[in-house]
Amino acid sequence: MSHIKVGVVGFGYWGPNLVRNFVDLPDTEVVAVADLRPERLKVIHSTYPAIQTTQNYSDLKDMNLDAIVIATPPKTHYPIAKEFLDHGVSVLVEKPMTLHSQDCQELCELAEKKNLTLMVGHTFEFNGAVLALKQVINSGEIGKIYYIDTARLNLGLYQNGLNVLWDLAPHDISILTYLLESDPISISAKGSSFISNGIEDVVYLTMRFPNDILAHVHVSWLDPCKVRRVTVVGSKKMVVYNDIEASEKLKIYDKGVEPMAYTNSFSEFIYNYRYGDITIPNIRFSEPLRVECQHFVNCVANHEKPRSCGEDGMRGVRILEAAQKSLRERSEVEV
């Protein structure tokens, strides 16, 4: 694999994690980091003296980079990504890819035209527990999926001009579409703004997928407990993925309920409840962000299409747009 030169735009909340992982990758060199805040650039100087810094991200275009990583506020994703793709540089952009699906479409077409890699940071598609959950579903062990419930809750972090739907729900939307390998048919969203007027900090999102699979997403910046949980209920078994757990992140419950096949009278009508064992798969766990960064570098070097490609990012934005429309109109929206 060729030596890949990488630049990073944005060194705020998530940027330091990206820089750390790319620095540690073999055959990868982090050449420069751009951020508007001088105090953040001082952190780079003290931690990684060999990395160049600048307050103007456009300076990175003159550094002969192979790839750029964008970890800036979502409203800036589109113009920055477009500028580097136009310049012939591959792009990894954090979620959400952009704030408008037509901008995603333009970036995808530009990347294809220039034969460049465009990838979106859907980190949970590189999470060992999510991969194991998908294997369990695909194996048929849990039977027909009835519904999936997800919860992503904590106290903060509030975003400037961005509601909790656009901040947290992209994670769960990417998990759901990855697990089910399909897009939702319809979406209904309800939410409230308690702290900042007009910016929802609590949202309940209901999606109906093909095969009558129901999915429910609860996201909140206003909860006393940090929750990162996905529950999949099937006709044979149920599975819980708890990302907060240190080791036992995935548990398979041999539980279910079935009506009696035949009864002589209504008074005899009962349900059979099954309470079986709990299985905890042994998951070989690596930091998902490290796996994602390595995957991006491999795709750039080998001219391969990423797992979380630009089209994947565009799919997520289209779902978010439908959810935002439902939230504003207080109605169910077809996707």
Protein backbone atom coordinates (compact mmCIF):
# COMPACT_ATOMS: atom_id res chain seq x y z
CA MET A 1 0.00 0.00 0.00
CA SER A 2 1.24 3.48 -0.88
CA HIS A 3 2.17 6.02 1.77
CA ILE A 4 -0.94 8.16 2.37
CA LYS A 5 -0.65 11.82 3.36
CA VAL A 6 -3.62 13.06 5.39
CA GLY A 7 -4.81 16.46 6.56
CA VAL A 8 -7.46 17.12 9.21
CA VAL A 9 -9.84 20.09 9.26
CA GLY A 10 -11.30 20.70 12.71
CA PHE A 11 -9.67 19.93 16.06
CA GLY A 12 -12.60 20.35 18.43
CA TYR A 13 -14.55 17.55 20.12
CA TRP A 14 -13.93 14.71 17.65
CA GLY A 15 -10.87 15.95 15.79
CA PRO A 16 -8.33 14.87 18.45
CA ASN A 17 -9.61 11.28 18.23
CA LEU A 18 -9.25 11.30 14.46
CA VAL A 19 -5.73 12.74 14.59
CA ARG A 20 -4.66 10.21 17.22
CA ASN A 21 -5.86 7.27 15.14
CA PHE A 22 -4.42 8.46 11.84
CA VAL A 23 -1.08 9.22 13.50
CA ASP A 24 -0.92 5.64 14.79
CA LEU A 25 -1.73 4.02 11.44
CA PRO A 26 1.17 2.49 9.50
CA ASP A 27 1.93 3.93 6.07
CA THR A 28 -0.06 7.05 6.97
CA GLU A 29 1.29 10.54 7.69
CA VAL A 30 -0.78 13.33 9.23
CA VAL A 31 0.79 16.32 7.50
CA ALA A 32 -1.32 19.19 8.82
CA VAL A 33 -4.31 20.19 10.96
CA ALA A 34 -6.47 23.27 10.43
CA ASP A 35 -8.62 24.94 13.08
CA LEU A 36 -9.84 28.50 13.55
CA ARG A 37 -8.89 28.63 17.23
CA PRO A 38 -5.24 29.34 18.10
CA GLU A 39 -5.59 27.61 21.47
CA ARG A 40 -6.52 24.35 19.72
CA LEU A 41 -3.51 24.64 17.42
CA LYS A 42 -1.28 25.02 20.49
CA VAL A 43 -2.50 21.60 21.63
CA ILE A 44 -1.38 20.17 18.29
CA HIS A 45 2.05 21.80 18.63
CA SER A 46 2.57 20.38 22.12
CA THR A 47 1.26 16.89 21.36
CA TYR A 48 2.42 16.38 17.75
CA PRO A 49 5.28 18.83 17.02
CA ALA A 50 5.87 17.42 13.53
CA ILE A 51 2.35 18.24 12.33
CA GLN A 52 1.90 21.58 10.59
CA THR A 53 -0.96 23.84 11.72
CA THR A 54 -2.97 26.64 10.16
CA GLN A 55 -6.13 28.63 10.80
CA ASN A 56 -7.00 28.57 7.10
CA TYR A 57 -8.03 25.10 5.90
CA SER A 58 -7.47 26.14 2.26
CA ASP A 59 -3.73 26.13 3.01
CA LEU A 60 -3.93 22.33 3.09
CA LYS A 61 -4.60 22.27 -0.66
CA ASP A 62 -0.96 23.24 -1.28
CA MET A 63 0.51 20.39 0.81
CA ASN A 64 0.24 17.57 -1.73
CA LEU A 65 -2.25 15.60 0.38
CA ASP A 66 -3.90 12.35 -0.66
CA ALA A 67 -6.84 12.71 1.69
CA ILE A 68 -8.60 15.18 3.95
CA VAL A 69 -10.64 14.45 7.07
CA ILE A 70 -13.41 16.93 7.94
CA ALA A 71 -14.53 17.22 11.58
CA THR A 72 -16.08 20.68 11.55
CA PRO A 73 -19.69 21.83 12.27
CA PRO A 74 -22.13 20.11 9.85
CA LYS A 75 -23.09 23.33 8.07
CA THR A 76 -19.48 23.59 6.80
CA HIS A 77 -19.17 19.99 5.58
CA TYR A 78 -20.42 20.62 2.05
CA PRO A 79 -18.27 23.62 1.06
CA ILE A 80 -15.09 22.15 2.56
CA ALA A 81 -15.62 18.70 1.03
CA LYS A 82 -16.44 20.21 -2.37
CA GLU A 83 -13.33 22.40 -2.32
CA PHE A 84 -11.01 19.44 -1.69
CA LEU A 85 -12.75 17.09 -4.12
CA ASP A 86 -12.44 19.79 -6.77
CA HIS A 87 -8.74 19.91 -5.94
CA GLY A 88 -8.34 16.14 -6.43
CA VAL A 89 -8.20 15.10 -2.76
CA SER A 90 -10.18 12.18 -1.29
CA VAL A 91 -12.49 13.03 1.60
CA LEU A 92 -13.66 11.49 4.88
CA VAL A 93 -16.39 13.71 6.33
CA GLU A 94 -18.07 13.28 9.71
CA LYS A 95 -21.80 12.73 10.09
CA PRO A 96 -24.14 14.10 8.99
CA MET A 97 -22.48 14.27 5.61
CA THR A 98 -24.22 17.57 4.79
CA LEU A 99 -27.44 19.29 5.84
CA HIS A 100 -29.10 18.88 2.41
CA SER A 101 -29.37 15.72 0.33
CA GLN A 102 -28.86 17.62 -2.94
CA ASP A 103 -25.44 18.68 -1.63
CA CYS A 104 -24.68 15.02 -0.88
CA GLN A 105 -25.68 14.13 -4.43
CA GLU A 106 -23.33 16.75 -5.84
CA LEU A 107 -20.41 15.51 -3.72
CA CYS A 108 -21.05 11.90 -4.76
CA GLU A 109 -21.12 12.83 -8.44
CA LEU A 110 -17.97 14.94 -8.09
CA ALA A 111 -16.07 12.13 -6.32
CA GLU A 112 -17.10 9.64 -9.01
CA LYS A 113 -16.15 12.03 -11.80
CA LYS A 114 -12.68 12.56 -10.34
CA ASN A 115 -12.24 8.91 -9.27
CA LEU A 116 -11.78 9.89 -5.62
CA THR A 117 -12.80 8.27 -2.36
CA LEU A 118 -15.74 9.89 -0.53
CA MET A 119 -16.57 8.38 2.83
CA VAL A 120 -18.82 9.42 5.71
CA GLY A 121 -17.99 8.81 9.37
CA HIS A 122 -20.70 6.30 10.30
CA THR A 123 -18.48 4.84 13.01
CA PHE A 124 -20.96 2.24 14.25
CA GLU A 125 -20.76 0.40 10.93
CA PHE A 126 -17.22 -0.48 12.05
CA ASN A 127 -18.19 -1.47 15.59
CA GLY A 128 -17.49 -5.13 16.41
CA ALA A 129 -20.70 -5.48 18.43
CA VAL A 130 -22.83 -4.08 15.60
CA LEU A 131 -21.11 -6.42 13.12
CA ALA A 132 -21.83 -9.34 15.46
CA LEU A 133 -25.46 -8.22 15.80
CA LYS A 134 -25.82 -8.19 12.03
CA GLN A 135 -24.40 -11.72 11.86
CA VAL A 136 -26.94 -12.89 14.44
CA ILE A 137 -29.79 -11.33 12.45
CA ASN A 138 -28.59 -12.70 9.11
CA SER A 139 -28.16 -16.19 10.56
CA GLY A 140 -31.90 -16.41 11.25
CA GLU A 141 -31.26 -17.25 14.91
CA ILE A 142 -33.74 -14.66 16.18
CA GLY A 143 -36.35 -15.43 13.51
CA LYS A 144 -38.44 -12.76 11.83
CA ILE A 145 -37.68 -9.27 13.14
CA TYR A 146 -40.73 -7.71 14.78
CA TYR A 147 -39.28 -4.37 15.80
CA ILE A 148 -36.07 -2.55 16.78
CA ASP A 149 -35.84 0.00 19.57
CA THR A 150 -32.87 2.33 20.02
CA ALA A 151 -32.05 4.87 22.73
CA ARG A 152 -29.21 7.40 22.61
CA LEU A 153 -29.51 9.65 25.65
CA ASN A 154 -27.28 11.86 27.80
CA LEU A 155 -27.10 15.28 29.44
CA GLY A 156 -25.69 17.53 26.65
CA LEU A 157 -23.73 18.23 24.51
CA TYR A 158 -25.91 20.98 23.04
CA GLN A 159 -25.01 22.04 19.51
CA ASN A 160 -25.16 25.57 18.14
CA GLY A 161 -28.01 25.79 15.62
CA LEU A 162 -28.43 22.02 15.38
CA ASN A 163 -31.14 19.96 17.07
CA VAL A 164 -30.70 16.56 18.72
CA LEU A 165 -32.19 14.80 15.69
CA TRP A 166 -29.33 15.88 13.42
CA ASP A 167 -26.71 15.44 16.13
CA LEU A 168 -27.45 11.99 17.59
CA ALA A 169 -29.95 10.23 15.32
CA PRO A 170 -27.49 9.75 12.41
CA HIS A 171 -25.80 7.04 14.50
CA ASP A 172 -28.99 5.04 14.98
CA ILE A 173 -30.22 5.62 11.45
CA SER A 174 -26.95 4.26 10.06
CA ILE A 175 -27.18 1.25 12.41
CA LEU A 176 -30.77 0.50 11.37
CA THR A 177 -30.21 0.79 7.62
CA TYR A 178 -27.03 -1.28 7.96
CA LEU A 179 -28.74 -4.04 9.96
CA LEU A 180 -31.88 -4.16 7.81
CA GLU A 181 -30.18 -3.43 4.47
CA SER A 182 -33.10 -1.22 3.46
CA ASP A 183 -34.49 2.28 3.80
CA PRO A 184 -37.59 3.14 5.84
CA ILE A 185 -40.89 3.46 3.98
CA SER A 186 -42.36 6.10 6.27
CA ILE A 187 -41.27 8.26 9.20
CA SER A 188 -43.04 9.98 12.04
CA ALA A 189 -41.17 12.28 14.43
CA LYS A 190 -42.17 14.13 17.57
CA GLY A 191 -40.01 16.33 19.73
CA SER A 192 -39.81 19.30 22.05
CA SER A 193 -37.53 22.26 22.73
CA PHE A 194 -37.08 22.72 26.46
CA ILE A 195 -33.81 24.65 26.81
CA SER A 196 -33.35 26.57 23.54
CA ASN A 197 -36.40 27.80 21.69
CA GLY A 198 -36.79 26.11 18.31
CA ILE A 199 -33.98 23.59 18.84
CA GLU A 200 -35.39 20.22 19.85
CA ASP A 201 -33.42 18.55 22.63
CA VAL A 202 -35.69 15.48 22.82
CA VAL A 203 -36.99 13.60 19.75
CA TYR A 204 -38.94 10.36 19.32
CA LEU A 205 -38.63 8.94 15.82
CA THR A 206 -40.77 6.07 14.49
CA MET A 207 -39.87 4.41 11.19
CA ARG A 208 -41.59 1.64 9.28
CA PHE A 209 -39.33 -0.56 7.16
CA PRO A 210 -40.17 -3.18 4.50
CA ASN A 211 -41.60 -6.49 5.78
CA ASP A 212 -43.61 -4.49 8.33
CA ILE A 213 -40.59 -4.00 10.60
CA LEU A 214 -41.10 -1.17 13.08
CA ALA A 215 -38.17 0.86 14.42
CA HIS A 216 -38.22 3.42 17.19
CA VAL A 217 -35.41 5.89 17.89
CA HIS A 218 -35.26 7.97 21.08
CA VAL A 219 -32.58 10.67 21.21
CA SER A 220 -32.11 13.25 23.94
CA TRP A 221 -29.66 15.81 25.30
CA LEU A 222 -31.80 16.09 28.42
CA ASP A 223 -31.51 12.82 30.30
CA PRO A 224 -29.80 12.09 33.63
CA CYS A 225 -28.31 8.81 32.38
CA LYS A 226 -26.05 8.06 29.45
CA VAL A 227 -27.75 5.37 27.36
CA ARG A 228 -26.52 3.76 24.15
CA ARG A 229 -28.79 0.77 23.52
CA VAL A 230 -30.27 -1.15 20.59
CA THR A 231 -32.93 -3.82 21.20
CA VAL A 232 -33.93 -6.21 18.40
CA VAL A 233 -37.05 -8.30 19.02
CA GLY A 234 -37.59 -11.33 16.81
CA SER A 235 -40.08 -14.16 16.57
CA LYS A 236 -37.59 -16.63 18.10
CA LYS A 237 -35.19 -14.60 20.23
CA MET A 238 -34.35 -11.07 21.33
CA VAL A 239 -30.99 -9.28 21.28
CA VAL A 240 -29.74 -6.27 23.22
CA TYR A 241 -26.67 -4.30 22.19
CA ASN A 242 -25.51 -2.03 25.02
CA ASP A 243 -22.57 0.12 23.98
CA ILE A 244 -22.08 1.35 27.56
CA GLU A 245 -21.10 -2.14 28.72
CA ALA A 246 -17.34 -2.56 29.01
CA SER A 247 -17.22 -6.16 27.78
CA GLU A 248 -20.64 -7.84 27.52
CA LYS A 249 -21.95 -5.52 24.83
CA LEU A 250 -24.21 -8.08 23.13
CA LYS A 251 -26.71 -10.38 24.85
CA ILE A 252 -29.03 -12.85 23.11
CA TYR A 253 -32.18 -13.68 25.08
CA ASP A 254 -33.97 -16.94 24.36
CA LYS A 255 -37.30 -15.37 25.27
CA GLY A 256 -40.57 -15.06 23.42
CA VAL A 257 -44.33 -15.36 23.46
CA GLU A 258 -46.66 -17.42 21.29
CA PRO A 259 -50.45 -17.89 21.25
CA MET A 260 -51.76 -21.43 21.61
CA ALA A 261 -52.34 -23.04 18.23
CA TYR A 262 -55.83 -24.27 19.21
CA THR A 263 -58.23 -23.96 22.14
CA ASN A 264 -61.73 -25.32 22.69
CA SER A 265 -63.12 -22.09 24.12
CA PHE A 266 -62.21 -18.46 24.69
CA SER A 267 -61.69 -19.10 28.38
CA GLU A 268 -58.90 -21.52 27.52
CA PHE A 269 -57.13 -19.04 25.26
CA ILE A 270 -53.68 -18.43 26.72
CA TYR A 271 -50.21 -17.49 25.58
CA ASN A 272 -47.07 -19.55 25.86
CA TYR A 273 -44.19 -17.58 27.37
CA ARG A 274 -40.68 -18.86 26.85
CA TYR A 275 -37.88 -18.00 29.26
CA GLY A 276 -34.62 -19.55 28.08
CA ASP A 277 -30.94 -18.88 28.48
CA ILE A 278 -29.00 -15.68 27.88
CA THR A 279 -26.08 -16.05 25.48
CA ILE A 280 -23.21 -13.56 25.48
CA PRO A 281 -21.14 -13.86 22.29
CA ASN A 282 -17.38 -13.44 22.54
CA ILE A 283 -16.65 -10.36 20.45
CA ARG A 284 -13.14 -9.46 19.45
CA PHE A 285 -13.33 -5.73 19.99
CA SER A 286 -11.12 -3.07 18.38
CA GLU A 287 -11.66 0.67 18.62
CA PRO A 288 -14.31 1.31 15.91
CA LEU A 289 -12.76 4.64 14.94
CA ARG A 290 -9.39 2.95 14.38
CA VAL A 291 -11.04 0.38 12.11
CA GLU A 292 -12.86 3.16 10.25
CA CYS A 293 -9.69 5.20 9.73
CA GLN A 294 -7.76 2.19 8.49
CA HIS A 295 -10.61 1.32 6.12
CA PHE A 296 -10.56 4.85 4.70
CA VAL A 297 -6.79 4.75 4.13
CA ASN A 298 -7.08 1.34 2.45
CA CYS A 299 -9.84 2.62 0.15
CA VAL A 300 -7.80 5.69 -0.82
CA ALA A 301 -4.68 3.62 -1.49
CA ASN A 302 -6.45 0.87 -3.43
CA HIS A 303 -9.17 2.98 -5.11
CA GLU A 304 -11.92 0.92 -3.48
CA LYS A 305 -15.45 1.99 -2.52
CA PRO A 306 -15.83 2.47 1.26
CA ARG A 307 -18.36 0.58 3.34
CA SER A 308 -19.87 3.89 4.50
CA CYS A 309 -19.61 5.56 1.12
CA GLY A 310 -21.02 8.88 -0.03
CA GLU A 311 -24.27 7.23 -1.11
CA ASP A 312 -24.60 5.81 2.40
CA GLY A 313 -24.18 9.31 3.81
CA MET A 314 -26.74 10.69 1.35
CA ARG A 315 -29.23 8.01 2.41
CA GLY A 316 -28.86 9.10 6.03
CA VAL A 317 -29.39 12.77 5.18
CA ARG A 318 -32.52 11.99 3.17
CA ILE A 319 -33.96 10.12 6.14
CA LEU A 320 -33.06 13.03 8.44
CA GLU A 321 -34.76 15.47 6.06
CA ALA A 322 -37.93 13.39 6.10
CA ALA A 323 -37.79 13.21 9.90
CA GLN A 324 -37.27 16.99 10.14
CA LYS A 325 -40.26 17.54 7.85
CA SER A 326 -42.39 15.25 10.02
CA LEU A 327 -41.20 17.09 13.11
CA ARG A 328 -42.21 20.47 11.68
CA GLU A 329 -45.49 19.37 10.07
CA ARG A 330 -46.43 16.97 12.88
CA SER A 331 -47.37 14.33 10.34
CA GLU A 332 -46.18 11.00 8.97
CA VAL A 333 -43.89 11.40 5.96
CA GLU A 334 -43.15 8.90 3.22
CA VAL A 335 -39.47 8.53 2.40
